[in-house]
Amino acid sequence: MAVVEISIVPLGTGSTSLSYYVAACEKELQNHSKDLYYELTAMGTIIEGDLDCILAVIRRLHEVLFKKGALRVSTHIKIDDRRDKVGSITQKVKSVKDKL
């Protein structure tokens, strides 16, 4: 299972506000909530699940912003794909908190 952090930024929109675009991406993510677990954060979205499924969803999210009027889209992806044991968003945070 992979944990992926994404930030998808529309450019050329004529506005500095991003919430309209973030909401559009979140609506698309809701369509995949049975396959993936995700959390919206203040600076991006964290997705947990099968890496191939996540990458396919990221491609759709990238396209959502063009459909919403962006002239350019910059997508930043950070992937944690651990194969020696199953990891999760919750497990990663718990591991750190246990050490505090």
N, C-alpha and C. Protein backbone atom coordinates (compact mmCIF):
# COMPACT_ATOMS: atom_id res chain seq x y z
N MET A 1 0.84 -1.18 0.00
CA MET A 1 0.00 0.00 0.00
C MET A 1 0.88 1.24 0.00
N ALA A 2 0.52 2.21 -0.80
CA ALA A 2 1.28 3.44 -0.91
C ALA A 2 0.56 4.58 -0.19
N VAL A 3 1.35 5.53 0.25
CA VAL A 3 0.84 6.79 0.79
C VAL A 3 1.41 7.88 -0.10
N VAL A 4 0.53 8.68 -0.68
CA VAL A 4 0.93 9.68 -1.66
C VAL A 4 0.38 11.04 -1.25
N GLU A 5 1.24 12.05 -1.30
CA GLU A 5 0.80 13.42 -1.04
C GLU A 5 0.82 14.16 -2.37
N ILE A 6 -0.27 14.84 -2.67
CA ILE A 6 -0.35 15.60 -3.93
C ILE A 6 -0.76 17.03 -3.65
N SER A 7 -0.30 17.88 -4.53
CA SER A 7 -0.72 19.27 -4.55
C SER A 7 -0.87 19.63 -6.02
N ILE A 8 -2.08 19.99 -6.41
CA ILE A 8 -2.38 20.31 -7.80
C ILE A 8 -2.77 21.78 -7.85
N VAL A 9 -2.00 22.55 -8.61
CA VAL A 9 -2.16 24.01 -8.60
C VAL A 9 -2.54 24.50 -10.00
N PRO A 10 -3.67 25.20 -10.11
CA PRO A 10 -4.04 25.79 -11.40
C PRO A 10 -3.30 27.11 -11.60
N LEU A 11 -2.87 27.35 -12.81
CA LEU A 11 -2.21 28.60 -13.16
C LEU A 11 -3.00 29.26 -14.29
N GLY A 12 -2.89 30.56 -14.38
CA GLY A 12 -3.58 31.26 -15.46
C GLY A 12 -5.08 31.37 -15.25
N THR A 13 -5.50 31.47 -14.00
CA THR A 13 -6.94 31.53 -13.71
C THR A 13 -7.45 32.95 -13.51
N GLY A 14 -6.54 33.89 -13.32
CA GLY A 14 -6.96 35.25 -13.07
C GLY A 14 -7.30 35.52 -11.61
N SER A 15 -7.09 34.54 -10.73
CA SER A 15 -7.41 34.69 -9.31
C SER A 15 -6.34 34.00 -8.47
N THR A 16 -6.13 34.51 -7.26
CA THR A 16 -5.20 33.85 -6.34
C THR A 16 -5.90 32.82 -5.47
N SER A 17 -7.22 32.77 -5.48
CA SER A 17 -7.98 31.82 -4.69
C SER A 17 -7.93 30.43 -5.33
N LEU A 18 -7.77 29.40 -4.51
CA LEU A 18 -7.69 28.03 -5.02
C LEU A 18 -8.83 27.13 -4.56
N SER A 19 -9.65 27.58 -3.61
CA SER A 19 -10.64 26.70 -3.00
C SER A 19 -11.64 26.13 -4.01
N TYR A 20 -12.00 26.87 -5.04
CA TYR A 20 -12.90 26.38 -6.09
C TYR A 20 -12.30 25.14 -6.76
N TYR A 21 -11.01 25.19 -7.03
CA TYR A 21 -10.33 24.10 -7.71
C TYR A 21 -10.09 22.92 -6.76
N VAL A 22 -9.75 23.22 -5.53
CA VAL A 22 -9.57 22.17 -4.54
C VAL A 22 -10.89 21.41 -4.34
N ALA A 23 -11.98 22.14 -4.25
CA ALA A 23 -13.29 21.51 -4.08
C ALA A 23 -13.63 20.61 -5.27
N ALA A 24 -13.29 21.06 -6.47
CA ALA A 24 -13.55 20.24 -7.66
C ALA A 24 -12.75 18.94 -7.61
N CYS A 25 -11.52 19.01 -7.15
CA CYS A 25 -10.70 17.80 -7.01
C CYS A 25 -11.25 16.90 -5.91
N GLU A 26 -11.69 17.49 -4.81
CA GLU A 26 -12.25 16.69 -3.72
C GLU A 26 -13.51 15.96 -4.18
N LYS A 27 -14.32 16.60 -5.00
CA LYS A 27 -15.52 15.93 -5.53
C LYS A 27 -15.13 14.73 -6.38
N GLU A 28 -14.09 14.87 -7.18
CA GLU A 28 -13.60 13.76 -7.99
C GLU A 28 -13.07 12.64 -7.08
N LEU A 29 -12.36 13.00 -6.03
CA LEU A 29 -11.86 11.99 -5.09
C LEU A 29 -12.99 11.23 -4.41
N GLN A 30 -14.08 11.90 -4.14
CA GLN A 30 -15.22 11.23 -3.50
C GLN A 30 -15.73 10.08 -4.37
N ASN A 31 -15.57 10.19 -5.68
CA ASN A 31 -15.99 9.12 -6.58
C ASN A 31 -15.14 7.86 -6.41
N HIS A 32 -13.98 7.98 -5.77
CA HIS A 32 -13.06 6.87 -5.60
C HIS A 32 -12.89 6.49 -4.12
N SER A 33 -13.78 6.96 -3.28
CA SER A 33 -13.62 6.76 -1.84
C SER A 33 -13.76 5.29 -1.43
N LYS A 34 -14.35 4.46 -2.26
CA LYS A 34 -14.43 3.04 -1.92
C LYS A 34 -13.11 2.33 -2.21
N ASP A 35 -12.30 2.89 -3.11
CA ASP A 35 -11.02 2.29 -3.48
C ASP A 35 -9.84 2.89 -2.73
N LEU A 36 -9.97 4.15 -2.33
CA LEU A 36 -8.86 4.88 -1.73
C LEU A 36 -9.32 5.60 -0.47
N TYR A 37 -8.40 5.75 0.47
CA TYR A 37 -8.65 6.60 1.63
C TYR A 37 -7.85 7.87 1.40
N TYR A 38 -8.43 9.02 1.71
CA TYR A 38 -7.70 10.28 1.51
C TYR A 38 -8.05 11.28 2.60
N GLU A 39 -7.13 12.20 2.81
CA GLU A 39 -7.33 13.28 3.76
C GLU A 39 -6.92 14.59 3.11
N LEU A 40 -7.79 15.57 3.16
CA LEU A 40 -7.48 16.92 2.71
C LEU A 40 -6.72 17.61 3.84
N THR A 41 -5.60 18.23 3.51
CA THR A 41 -4.86 19.03 4.49
C THR A 41 -4.81 20.46 3.99
N ALA A 42 -4.26 21.34 4.78
CA ALA A 42 -4.20 22.75 4.41
C ALA A 42 -3.28 22.99 3.21
N MET A 43 -2.34 22.08 2.97
CA MET A 43 -1.35 22.31 1.92
C MET A 43 -1.37 21.26 0.81
N GLY A 44 -2.30 20.33 0.85
CA GLY A 44 -2.36 19.28 -0.15
C GLY A 44 -3.33 18.20 0.29
N THR A 45 -3.30 17.08 -0.42
CA THR A 45 -4.14 15.94 -0.10
C THR A 45 -3.26 14.71 0.00
N ILE A 46 -3.53 13.88 1.02
CA ILE A 46 -2.81 12.64 1.21
C ILE A 46 -3.76 11.51 0.83
N ILE A 47 -3.27 10.60 -0.02
CA ILE A 47 -4.08 9.48 -0.49
C ILE A 47 -3.37 8.18 -0.12
N GLU A 48 -4.14 7.21 0.33
CA GLU A 48 -3.62 5.91 0.73
C GLU A 48 -4.32 4.83 -0.09
N GLY A 49 -3.54 3.90 -0.63
CA GLY A 49 -4.14 2.80 -1.37
C GLY A 49 -3.17 2.18 -2.35
N ASP A 50 -3.70 1.45 -3.31
CA ASP A 50 -2.91 0.81 -4.35
C ASP A 50 -2.28 1.90 -5.24
N LEU A 51 -0.98 1.81 -5.46
CA LEU A 51 -0.27 2.86 -6.20
C LEU A 51 -0.80 3.05 -7.61
N ASP A 52 -1.09 1.98 -8.32
CA ASP A 52 -1.62 2.12 -9.68
C ASP A 52 -2.95 2.85 -9.69
N CYS A 53 -3.79 2.55 -8.73
CA CYS A 53 -5.09 3.22 -8.61
C CYS A 53 -4.90 4.70 -8.28
N ILE A 54 -3.98 4.99 -7.36
CA ILE A 54 -3.72 6.38 -6.97
C ILE A 54 -3.21 7.18 -8.16
N LEU A 55 -2.28 6.62 -8.91
CA LEU A 55 -1.72 7.34 -10.06
C LEU A 55 -2.79 7.61 -11.12
N ALA A 56 -3.68 6.67 -11.33
CA ALA A 56 -4.78 6.89 -12.28
C ALA A 56 -5.70 8.01 -11.81
N VAL A 57 -5.97 8.05 -10.51
CA VAL A 57 -6.82 9.11 -9.96
C VAL A 57 -6.13 10.46 -10.06
N ILE A 58 -4.83 10.50 -9.79
CA ILE A 58 -4.09 11.76 -9.90
C ILE A 58 -4.19 12.30 -11.32
N ARG A 59 -4.09 11.44 -12.30
CA ARG A 59 -4.22 11.88 -13.70
C ARG A 59 -5.58 12.54 -13.93
N ARG A 60 -6.64 11.93 -13.37
CA ARG A 60 -7.98 12.52 -13.52
C ARG A 60 -8.08 13.86 -12.79
N LEU A 61 -7.49 13.93 -11.60
CA LEU A 61 -7.51 15.18 -10.84
C LEU A 61 -6.79 16.29 -11.59
N HIS A 62 -5.68 15.96 -12.22
CA HIS A 62 -4.91 16.93 -13.01
C HIS A 62 -5.81 17.50 -14.12
N GLU A 63 -6.57 16.64 -14.75
CA GLU A 63 -7.45 17.07 -15.85
C GLU A 63 -8.65 17.89 -15.36
N VAL A 64 -9.10 17.63 -14.13
CA VAL A 64 -10.24 18.37 -13.58
C VAL A 64 -10.00 19.86 -13.64
N LEU A 65 -8.78 20.29 -13.32
CA LEU A 65 -8.50 21.73 -13.27
C LEU A 65 -8.54 22.36 -14.66
N PHE A 66 -8.13 21.63 -15.68
CA PHE A 66 -8.27 22.14 -17.05
C PHE A 66 -9.73 22.29 -17.41
N LYS A 67 -10.53 21.31 -17.01
CA LYS A 67 -11.97 21.36 -17.29
C LYS A 67 -12.63 22.52 -16.55
N LYS A 68 -12.03 22.95 -15.44
CA LYS A 68 -12.57 24.06 -14.67
C LYS A 68 -12.01 25.42 -15.12
N GLY A 69 -11.22 25.42 -16.20
CA GLY A 69 -10.80 26.69 -16.77
C GLY A 69 -9.34 27.06 -16.60
N ALA A 70 -8.57 26.26 -15.88
CA ALA A 70 -7.14 26.58 -15.73
C ALA A 70 -6.45 26.48 -17.08
N LEU A 71 -5.54 27.40 -17.34
CA LEU A 71 -4.78 27.38 -18.59
C LEU A 71 -3.49 26.57 -18.47
N ARG A 72 -3.07 26.35 -17.23
CA ARG A 72 -1.87 25.58 -16.94
C ARG A 72 -2.05 24.93 -15.57
N VAL A 73 -1.54 23.71 -15.41
CA VAL A 73 -1.69 23.00 -14.15
C VAL A 73 -0.34 22.42 -13.75
N SER A 74 0.03 22.66 -12.49
CA SER A 74 1.27 22.12 -11.94
C SER A 74 0.91 21.13 -10.84
N THR A 75 1.30 19.87 -11.03
CA THR A 75 0.98 18.81 -10.08
C THR A 75 2.26 18.32 -9.43
N HIS A 76 2.27 18.35 -8.10
CA HIS A 76 3.42 17.89 -7.32
C HIS A 76 3.01 16.61 -6.59
N ILE A 77 3.83 15.57 -6.71
CA ILE A 77 3.50 14.26 -6.16
C ILE A 77 4.67 13.77 -5.30
N LYS A 78 4.35 13.34 -4.09
CA LYS A 78 5.34 12.71 -3.21
C LYS A 78 4.80 11.31 -2.88
N ILE A 79 5.60 10.27 -3.17
CA ILE A 79 5.15 8.89 -3.01
C ILE A 79 5.99 8.18 -1.95
N ASP A 80 5.30 7.53 -1.00
CA ASP A 80 5.94 6.63 -0.04
C ASP A 80 5.36 5.25 -0.32
N ASP A 81 6.15 4.41 -0.97
CA ASP A 81 5.69 3.08 -1.39
C ASP A 81 6.56 2.04 -0.69
N ARG A 82 6.15 1.69 0.51
CA ARG A 82 6.93 0.74 1.32
C ARG A 82 6.44 -0.68 1.04
N ARG A 83 7.38 -1.58 0.76
CA ARG A 83 7.00 -2.93 0.38
C ARG A 83 7.35 -4.00 1.41
N ASP A 84 8.08 -3.62 2.46
CA ASP A 84 8.45 -4.63 3.46
C ASP A 84 7.35 -4.85 4.50
N LYS A 85 6.41 -3.91 4.61
CA LYS A 85 5.25 -4.09 5.49
C LYS A 85 4.17 -3.11 5.06
N VAL A 86 2.95 -3.39 5.49
CA VAL A 86 1.82 -2.54 5.13
C VAL A 86 1.88 -1.27 5.98
N GLY A 87 1.79 -0.14 5.33
CA GLY A 87 1.78 1.14 6.03
C GLY A 87 0.48 1.87 5.75
N SER A 88 0.23 2.88 6.54
CA SER A 88 -0.98 3.70 6.34
C SER A 88 -0.70 5.10 6.88
N ILE A 89 -1.57 6.01 6.54
CA ILE A 89 -1.45 7.37 7.06
C ILE A 89 -1.48 7.34 8.58
N THR A 90 -2.45 6.62 9.13
CA THR A 90 -2.60 6.53 10.59
C THR A 90 -1.37 5.92 11.24
N GLN A 91 -0.86 4.85 10.65
CA GLN A 91 0.31 4.16 11.20
C GLN A 91 1.52 5.06 11.21
N LYS A 92 1.71 5.84 10.14
CA LYS A 92 2.88 6.72 10.05
C LYS A 92 2.83 7.79 11.14
N VAL A 93 1.67 8.37 11.38
CA VAL A 93 1.53 9.40 12.42
C VAL A 93 1.68 8.78 13.80
N LYS A 94 1.08 7.62 14.01
CA LYS A 94 1.18 6.93 15.31
C LYS A 94 2.64 6.59 15.63
N SER A 95 3.39 6.17 14.64
CA SER A 95 4.78 5.81 14.86
C SER A 95 5.57 6.99 15.41
N VAL A 96 5.32 8.17 14.89
CA VAL A 96 6.01 9.37 15.38
C VAL A 96 5.52 9.75 16.77
N LYS A 97 4.21 9.74 16.96
CA LYS A 97 3.64 10.13 18.27
C LYS A 97 4.09 9.18 19.38
N ASP A 98 4.26 7.90 19.06
CA ASP A 98 4.73 6.94 20.05
C ASP A 98 6.13 7.29 20.54
N LYS A 99 6.89 7.97 19.74
CA LYS A 99 8.28 8.31 20.09
C LYS A 99 8.38 9.65 20.82
N LEU A 100 7.29 10.36 20.94
CA LEU A 100 7.31 11.66 21.62
C LEU A 100 7.25 11.52 23.12
